[in-house]
């Protein structure tokens, strides 16, 4: 295998940071679906939007990683 070039390596690191942060955020948002106490209000509309945004960011990071990996294999 050929080592990643410097710009590609930085892009991989950036994508991995986005993936990790988004996964952590998704986990945090999903925990909010269980109210801290019985009867506590949960804004499910906002929560759904947050989960969708996290999922989008995870997909974006994954796509970046696939693109980089595919490009590196072709070289």
PDB file of N, CA and C in Angstrom:
ATOM      1  N   UNK A   1       0.833  -1.192   0.000  1.00  0.00           N
ATOM      2  CA  UNK A   1       0.000   0.000   0.000  1.00  0.00           C
ATOM      3  C   UNK A   1       0.874   1.252   0.000  1.00  0.00           C
ATOM      4  N   UNK A   2       0.350   2.271  -0.635  1.00  0.00           N
ATOM      5  CA  UNK A   2       1.051   3.547  -0.718  1.00  0.00           C
ATOM      6  C   UNK A   2       0.613   4.415   0.454  1.00  0.00           C
ATOM      7  N   UNK A   3       1.561   5.042   1.171  1.00  0.00           N
ATOM      8  CA  UNK A   3       1.152   5.910   2.277  1.00  0.00           C
ATOM      9  C   UNK A   3       0.341   7.097   1.777  1.00  0.00           C
ATOM     10  N   UNK A   4      -0.558   7.572   2.607  1.00  0.00           N
ATOM     11  CA  UNK A   4      -1.384   8.726   2.242  1.00  0.00           C
ATOM     12  C   UNK A   4      -0.523   9.977   2.113  1.00  0.00           C
ATOM     13  N   UNK A   5      -0.857  10.784   1.120  1.00  0.00           N
ATOM     14  CA  UNK A   5      -0.186  12.069   0.953  1.00  0.00           C
ATOM     15  C   UNK A   5      -0.634  13.004   2.072  1.00  0.00           C
ATOM     16  N   UNK A   6       0.155  14.034   2.330  1.00  0.00           N
ATOM     17  CA  UNK A   6      -0.123  14.966   3.436  1.00  0.00           C
ATOM     18  C   UNK A   6      -1.541  15.564   3.383  1.00  0.00           C
ATOM     19  N   UNK A   7      -1.994  16.118   2.243  1.00  0.00           N
ATOM     20  CA  UNK A   7      -3.356  16.684   2.221  1.00  0.00           C
ATOM     21  C   UNK A   7      -4.417  15.613   2.489  1.00  0.00           C
ATOM     22  N   UNK A   8      -4.209  14.426   1.942  1.00  0.00           N
ATOM     23  CA  UNK A   8      -5.184  13.347   2.153  1.00  0.00           C
ATOM     24  C   UNK A   8      -5.197  12.933   3.618  1.00  0.00           C
ATOM     25  N   UNK A   9      -4.033  12.879   4.232  1.00  0.00           N
ATOM     26  CA  UNK A   9      -3.940  12.508   5.641  1.00  0.00           C
ATOM     27  C   UNK A   9      -4.690  13.513   6.519  1.00  0.00           C
ATOM     28  N   UNK A  10      -4.536  14.788   6.216  1.00  0.00           N
ATOM     29  CA  UNK A  10      -5.250  15.820   6.979  1.00  0.00           C
ATOM     30  C   UNK A  10      -6.757  15.699   6.768  1.00  0.00           C
ATOM     31  N   UNK A  11      -7.175  15.369   5.549  1.00  0.00           N
ATOM     32  CA  UNK A  11      -8.599  15.199   5.268  1.00  0.00           C
ATOM     33  C   UNK A  11      -9.145  13.995   6.023  1.00  0.00           C
ATOM     34  N   UNK A  12      -8.358  12.920   6.076  1.00  0.00           N
ATOM     35  CA  UNK A  12      -8.773  11.735   6.838  1.00  0.00           C
ATOM     36  C   UNK A  12      -8.935  12.099   8.307  1.00  0.00           C
ATOM     37  N   UNK A  13      -7.970  12.792   8.847  1.00  0.00           N
ATOM     38  CA  UNK A  13      -8.059  13.191  10.256  1.00  0.00           C
ATOM     39  C   UNK A  13      -9.291  14.063  10.510  1.00  0.00           C
ATOM     40  N   UNK A  14      -9.525  15.005   9.606  1.00  0.00           N
ATOM     41  CA  UNK A  14     -10.677  15.892   9.737  1.00  0.00           C
ATOM     42  C   UNK A  14     -11.980  15.094   9.663  1.00  0.00           C
ATOM     43  N   UNK A  15     -12.052  14.160   8.735  1.00  0.00           N
ATOM     44  CA  UNK A  15     -13.251  13.332   8.586  1.00  0.00           C
ATOM     45  C   UNK A  15     -13.473  12.466   9.811  1.00  0.00           C
ATOM     46  N   UNK A  16     -12.391  11.910  10.350  1.00  0.00           N
ATOM     47  CA  UNK A  16     -12.508  11.082  11.549  1.00  0.00           C
ATOM     48  C   UNK A  16     -12.952  11.906  12.757  1.00  0.00           C
ATOM     49  N   UNK A  17     -12.466  13.141  12.847  1.00  0.00           N
ATOM     50  CA  UNK A  17     -12.905  14.017  13.940  1.00  0.00           C
ATOM     51  C   UNK A  17     -14.402  14.307  13.821  1.00  0.00           C
ATOM     52  N   UNK A  18     -14.852  14.612  12.592  1.00  0.00           N
ATOM     53  CA  UNK A  18     -16.274  14.871  12.365  1.00  0.00           C
ATOM     54  C   UNK A  18     -17.097  13.631  12.685  1.00  0.00           C
ATOM     55  N   UNK A  19     -16.631  12.477  12.254  1.00  0.00           N
ATOM     56  CA  UNK A  19     -17.338  11.227  12.510  1.00  0.00           C
ATOM     57  C   UNK A  19     -17.446  10.962  14.010  1.00  0.00           C
ATOM     58  N   UNK A  20     -16.360  11.115  14.712  1.00  0.00           N
ATOM     59  CA  UNK A  20     -16.334  10.867  16.151  1.00  0.00           C
ATOM     60  C   UNK A  20     -17.236  11.861  16.903  1.00  0.00           C
ATOM     61  N   UNK A  21     -17.106  13.144  16.580  1.00  0.00           N
ATOM     62  CA  UNK A  21     -17.913  14.171  17.256  1.00  0.00           C
ATOM     63  C   UNK A  21     -19.404  13.972  16.977  1.00  0.00           C
ATOM     64  N   UNK A  22     -19.730  13.638  15.740  1.00  0.00           N
ATOM     65  CA  UNK A  22     -21.137  13.452  15.363  1.00  0.00           C
ATOM     66  C   UNK A  22     -21.730  12.221  16.035  1.00  0.00           C
ATOM     67  N   UNK A  23     -20.948  11.161  16.119  1.00  0.00           N
ATOM     68  CA  UNK A  23     -21.425   9.945  16.795  1.00  0.00           C
ATOM     69  C   UNK A  23     -21.657  10.224  18.282  1.00  0.00           C
ATOM     70  N   UNK A  24     -20.759  10.984  18.888  1.00  0.00           N
ATOM     71  CA  UNK A  24     -20.913  11.344  20.295  1.00  0.00           C
ATOM     72  C   UNK A  24     -22.174  12.198  20.489  1.00  0.00           C
ATOM     73  N   UNK A  25     -22.364  13.166  19.588  1.00  0.00           N
ATOM     74  CA  UNK A  25     -23.553  14.026  19.654  1.00  0.00           C
ATOM     75  C   UNK A  25     -24.833  13.211  19.466  1.00  0.00           C
ATOM     76  N   UNK A  26     -24.802  12.268  18.521  1.00  0.00           N
ATOM     77  CA  UNK A  26     -25.970  11.426  18.264  1.00  0.00           C
ATOM     78  C   UNK A  26     -26.326  10.632  19.522  1.00  0.00           C
ATOM     79  N   UNK A  27     -25.321  10.066  20.155  1.00  0.00           N
ATOM     80  CA  UNK A  27     -25.544   9.317  21.384  1.00  0.00           C
ATOM     81  C   UNK A  27     -26.168  10.222  22.457  1.00  0.00           C
ATOM     82  N   UNK A  28     -25.639  11.414  22.581  1.00  0.00           N
ATOM     83  CA  UNK A  28     -26.138  12.372  23.563  1.00  0.00           C
ATOM     84  C   UNK A  28     -27.590  12.756  23.270  1.00  0.00           C
ATOM     85  N   UNK A  29     -27.889  13.022  22.001  1.00  0.00           N
ATOM     86  CA  UNK A  29     -29.252  13.406  21.622  1.00  0.00           C
ATOM     87  C   UNK A  29     -30.231  12.261  21.871  1.00  0.00           C
ATOM     88  N   UNK A  30     -29.812  11.042  21.580  1.00  0.00           N
ATOM     89  CA  UNK A  30     -30.699   9.892  21.781  1.00  0.00           C
ATOM     90  C   UNK A  30     -30.999   9.673  23.257  1.00  0.00           C
ATOM     91  N   UNK A  31     -30.044   9.974  24.109  1.00  0.00           N
ATOM     92  CA  UNK A  31     -30.281   9.846  25.554  1.00  0.00           C
ATOM     93  C   UNK A  31     -31.374  10.806  26.026  1.00  0.00           C
ATOM     94  N   UNK A  32     -31.540  11.907  25.317  1.00  0.00           N
ATOM     95  CA  UNK A  32     -32.547  12.900  25.707  1.00  0.00           C
ATOM     96  C   UNK A  32     -33.972  12.416  25.458  1.00  0.00           C
ATOM     97  N   UNK A  33     -34.143  11.309  24.738  1.00  0.00           N
ATOM     98  CA  UNK A  33     -35.493  10.806  24.487  1.00  0.00           C
ATOM     99  C   UNK A  33     -36.116  10.236  25.752  1.00  0.00           C
ATOM    100  N   UNK A  34     -35.280   9.907  26.723  1.00  0.00           N
ATOM    101  CA  UNK A  34     -35.772   9.429  28.014  1.00  0.00           C
ATOM    102  C   UNK A  34     -35.746  10.619  28.976  1.00  0.00           C
ATOM    103  N   UNK A  35     -36.912  11.084  29.397  1.00  0.00           N
ATOM    104  CA  UNK A  35     -36.947  12.241  30.300  1.00  0.00           C
ATOM    105  C   UNK A  35     -36.185  11.958  31.595  1.00  0.00           C
ATOM    106  N   UNK A  36     -35.512  12.974  32.138  1.00  0.00           N
ATOM    107  CA  UNK A  36     -34.745  12.783  33.373  1.00  0.00           C
ATOM    108  C   UNK A  36     -35.632  12.398  34.561  1.00  0.00           C
ATOM    109  N   UNK A  37     -36.893  12.788  34.473  1.00  0.00           N
ATOM    110  CA  UNK A  37     -37.848  12.436  35.532  1.00  0.00           C
ATOM    111  C   UNK A  37     -39.204  12.213  34.886  1.00  0.00           C
ATOM    112  N   UNK A  38     -40.028  11.365  35.469  1.00  0.00           N
ATOM    113  CA  UNK A  38     -41.361  11.105  34.902  1.00  0.00           C
ATOM    114  C   UNK A  38     -42.166  12.398  34.736  1.00  0.00           C
ATOM    115  N   UNK A  39     -42.779  12.532  33.592  1.00  0.00           N
ATOM    116  CA  UNK A  39     -43.615  13.696  33.343  1.00  0.00           C
ATOM    117  C   UNK A  39     -42.865  14.910  32.807  1.00  0.00           C
ATOM    118  N   UNK A  40     -41.549  14.839  32.741  1.00  0.00           N
ATOM    119  CA  UNK A  40     -40.771  15.960  32.203  1.00  0.00           C
ATOM    120  C   UNK A  40     -41.043  16.097  30.707  1.00  0.00           C
ATOM    121  N   UNK A  41     -41.091  17.330  30.242  1.00  0.00           N
ATOM    122  CA  UNK A  41     -41.373  17.589  28.831  1.00  0.00           C
ATOM    123  C   UNK A  41     -40.143  17.324  27.970  1.00  0.00           C
ATOM    124  N   UNK A  42     -40.366  16.711  26.818  1.00  0.00           N
ATOM    125  CA  UNK A  42     -39.307  16.471  25.849  1.00  0.00           C
ATOM    126  C   UNK A  42     -39.770  17.079  24.527  1.00  0.00           C
ATOM    127  N   UNK A  43     -38.947  17.936  23.939  1.00  0.00           N
ATOM    128  CA  UNK A  43     -39.271  18.543  22.649  1.00  0.00           C
ATOM    129  C   UNK A  43     -38.828  17.584  21.544  1.00  0.00           C
ATOM    130  N   UNK A  44     -39.734  16.678  21.169  1.00  0.00           N
ATOM    131  CA  UNK A  44     -39.373  15.638  20.202  1.00  0.00           C
ATOM    132  C   UNK A  44     -39.119  16.191  18.803  1.00  0.00           C
ATOM    133  N   UNK A  45     -39.751  17.298  18.458  1.00  0.00           N
ATOM    134  CA  UNK A  45     -39.513  17.891  17.141  1.00  0.00           C
ATOM    135  C   UNK A  45     -38.074  18.396  17.045  1.00  0.00           C
ATOM    136  N   UNK A  46     -37.621  19.121  18.050  1.00  0.00           N
ATOM    137  CA  UNK A  46     -36.243  19.609  18.074  1.00  0.00           C
ATOM    138  C   UNK A  46     -35.271  18.441  18.150  1.00  0.00           C
ATOM    139  N   UNK A  47     -35.590  17.478  18.977  1.00  0.00           N
ATOM    140  CA  UNK A  47     -34.733  16.307  19.142  1.00  0.00           C
ATOM    141  C   UNK A  47     -34.587  15.552  17.822  1.00  0.00           C
ATOM    142  N   UNK A  48     -35.683  15.419  17.102  1.00  0.00           N
ATOM    143  CA  UNK A  48     -35.643  14.746  15.797  1.00  0.00           C
ATOM    144  C   UNK A  48     -34.755  15.507  14.825  1.00  0.00           C
ATOM    145  N   UNK A  49     -34.852  16.819  14.805  1.00  0.00           N
ATOM    146  CA  UNK A  49     -34.001  17.629  13.932  1.00  0.00           C
ATOM    147  C   UNK A  49     -32.526  17.450  14.286  1.00  0.00           C
ATOM    148  N   UNK A  50     -32.230  17.394  15.581  1.00  0.00           N
ATOM    149  CA  UNK A  50     -30.846  17.220  16.023  1.00  0.00           C
ATOM    150  C   UNK A  50     -30.316  15.851  15.607  1.00  0.00           C
ATOM    151  N   UNK A  51     -31.135  14.821  15.750  1.00  0.00           N
ATOM    152  CA  UNK A  51     -30.722  13.467  15.371  1.00  0.00           C
ATOM    153  C   UNK A  51     -30.491  13.394  13.862  1.00  0.00           C
ATOM    154  N   UNK A  52     -31.358  14.016  13.094  1.00  0.00           N
ATOM    155  CA  UNK A  52     -31.197  14.041  11.642  1.00  0.00           C
ATOM    156  C   UNK A  52     -29.895  14.745  11.262  1.00  0.00           C
ATOM    157  N   UNK A  53     -29.589  15.851  11.923  1.00  0.00           N
ATOM    158  CA  UNK A  53     -28.348  16.576  11.627  1.00  0.00           C
ATOM    159  C   UNK A  53     -27.129  15.720  11.967  1.00  0.00           C
ATOM    160  N   UNK A  54     -27.179  15.023  13.093  1.00  0.00           N
ATOM    161  CA  UNK A  54     -26.068  14.139  13.476  1.00  0.00           C
ATOM    162  C   UNK A  54     -25.886  13.031  12.437  1.00  0.00           C
ATOM    163  N   UNK A  55     -26.990  12.437  12.026  1.00  0.00           N
ATOM    164  CA  UNK A  55     -26.924  11.364  11.028  1.00  0.00           C
ATOM    165  C   UNK A  55     -26.349  11.890   9.710  1.00  0.00           C
ATOM    166  N   UNK A  56     -26.743  13.093   9.330  1.00  0.00           N
ATOM    167  CA  UNK A  56     -26.209  13.709   8.116  1.00  0.00           C
ATOM    168  C   UNK A  56     -24.694  13.906   8.237  1.00  0.00           C
ATOM    169  N   UNK A  57     -24.240  14.415   9.366  1.00  0.00           N
ATOM    170  CA  UNK A  57     -22.808  14.644   9.575  1.00  0.00           C
ATOM    171  C   UNK A  57     -22.022  13.333   9.569  1.00  0.00           C
ATOM    172  N   UNK A  58     -22.609  12.278  10.132  1.00  0.00           N
ATOM    173  CA  UNK A  58     -21.956  10.965  10.117  1.00  0.00           C
ATOM    174  C   UNK A  58     -21.842  10.462   8.680  1.00  0.00           C
ATOM    175  N   UNK A  59     -22.913  10.598   7.922  1.00  0.00           N
ATOM    176  CA  UNK A  59     -22.888  10.161   6.517  1.00  0.00           C
ATOM    177  C   UNK A  59     -21.883  10.971   5.707  1.00  0.00           C
ATOM    178  N   UNK A  60     -21.811  12.261   5.964  1.00  0.00           N
ATOM    179  CA  UNK A  60     -20.867  13.134   5.260  1.00  0.00           C
ATOM    180  C   UNK A  60     -19.422  12.702   5.543  1.00  0.00           C
ATOM    181  N   UNK A  61     -19.112  12.454   6.805  1.00  0.00           N
ATOM    182  CA  UNK A  61     -17.758  12.034   7.176  1.00  0.00           C
ATOM    183  C   UNK A  61     -17.430  10.683   6.551  1.00  0.00           C
ATOM    184  N   UNK A  62     -18.387   9.769   6.578  1.00  0.00           N
ATOM    185  CA  UNK A  62     -18.165   8.447   5.990  1.00  0.00           C
ATOM    186  C   UNK A  62     -17.920   8.564   4.481  1.00  0.00           C
ATOM    187  N   UNK A  63     -18.680   9.416   3.814  1.00  0.00           N
ATOM    188  CA  UNK A  63     -18.492   9.616   2.374  1.00  0.00           C
ATOM    189  C   UNK A  63     -17.109  10.181   2.085  1.00  0.00           C
ATOM    190  N   UNK A  64     -16.662  11.128   2.895  1.00  0.00           N
ATOM    191  CA  UNK A  64     -15.324  11.689   2.713  1.00  0.00           C
ATOM    192  C   UNK A  64     -14.265  10.607   2.841  1.00  0.00           C
ATOM    193  N   UNK A  65     -14.407   9.740   3.821  1.00  0.00           N
ATOM    194  CA  UNK A  65     -13.435   8.662   4.021  1.00  0.00           C
ATOM    195  C   UNK A  65     -13.446   7.679   2.857  1.00  0.00           C
ATOM    196  N   UNK A  66     -14.624   7.335   2.370  1.00  0.00           N
ATOM    197  CA  UNK A  66     -14.720   6.430   1.218  1.00  0.00           C
ATOM    198  C   UNK A  66     -14.085   7.070  -0.013  1.00  0.00           C
ATOM    199  N   UNK A  67     -14.352   8.341  -0.234  1.00  0.00           N
ATOM    200  CA  UNK A  67     -13.787   9.052  -1.384  1.00  0.00           C
ATOM    201  C   UNK A  67     -12.264   9.060  -1.326  1.00  0.00           C
ATOM    202  N   UNK A  68     -11.714   9.356  -0.176  1.00  0.00           N
ATOM    203  CA  UNK A  68     -10.252   9.396  -0.018  1.00  0.00           C
ATOM    204  C   UNK A  68      -9.654   8.022  -0.235  1.00  0.00           C
ATOM    205  N   UNK A  69     -10.261   7.014   0.385  1.00  0.00           N
ATOM    206  CA  UNK A  69      -9.757   5.646   0.266  1.00  0.00           C
ATOM    207  C   UNK A  69      -9.792   5.176  -1.179  1.00  0.00           C
ATOM    208  N   UNK A  70     -10.881   5.452  -1.867  1.00  0.00           N
ATOM    209  CA  UNK A  70     -11.026   5.041  -3.261  1.00  0.00           C
ATOM    210  C   UNK A  70     -10.003   5.747  -4.137  1.00  0.00           C
ATOM    211  N   UNK A  71      -9.811   7.039  -3.899  1.00  0.00           N
ATOM    212  CA  UNK A  71      -8.843   7.820  -4.675  1.00  0.00           C
ATOM    213  C   UNK A  71      -7.425   7.286  -4.451  1.00  0.00           C
ATOM    214  N   UNK A  72      -7.096   6.972  -3.219  1.00  0.00           N
ATOM    215  CA  UNK A  72      -5.742   6.468  -2.895  1.00  0.00           C
ATOM    216  C   UNK A  72      -5.489   5.117  -3.542  1.00  0.00           C
ATOM    217  N   UNK A  73      -6.510   4.268  -3.611  1.00  0.00           N
ATOM    218  CA  UNK A  73      -6.352   2.937  -4.213  1.00  0.00           C
ATOM    219  C   UNK A  73      -6.081   3.044  -5.708  1.00  0.00           C
ATOM    220  N   UNK A  74      -6.647   4.061  -6.353  1.00  0.00           N
ATOM    221  CA  UNK A  74      -6.497   4.227  -7.800  1.00  0.00           C
ATOM    222  C   UNK A  74      -5.112   4.744  -8.170  1.00  0.00           C
ATOM    223  N   UNK A  75      -4.425   5.363  -7.228  1.00  0.00           N
ATOM    224  CA  UNK A  75      -3.121   5.956  -7.542  1.00  0.00           C
ATOM    225  C   UNK A  75      -2.019   4.945  -7.455  1.00  0.00           C
TER     226      UNK A  75
END
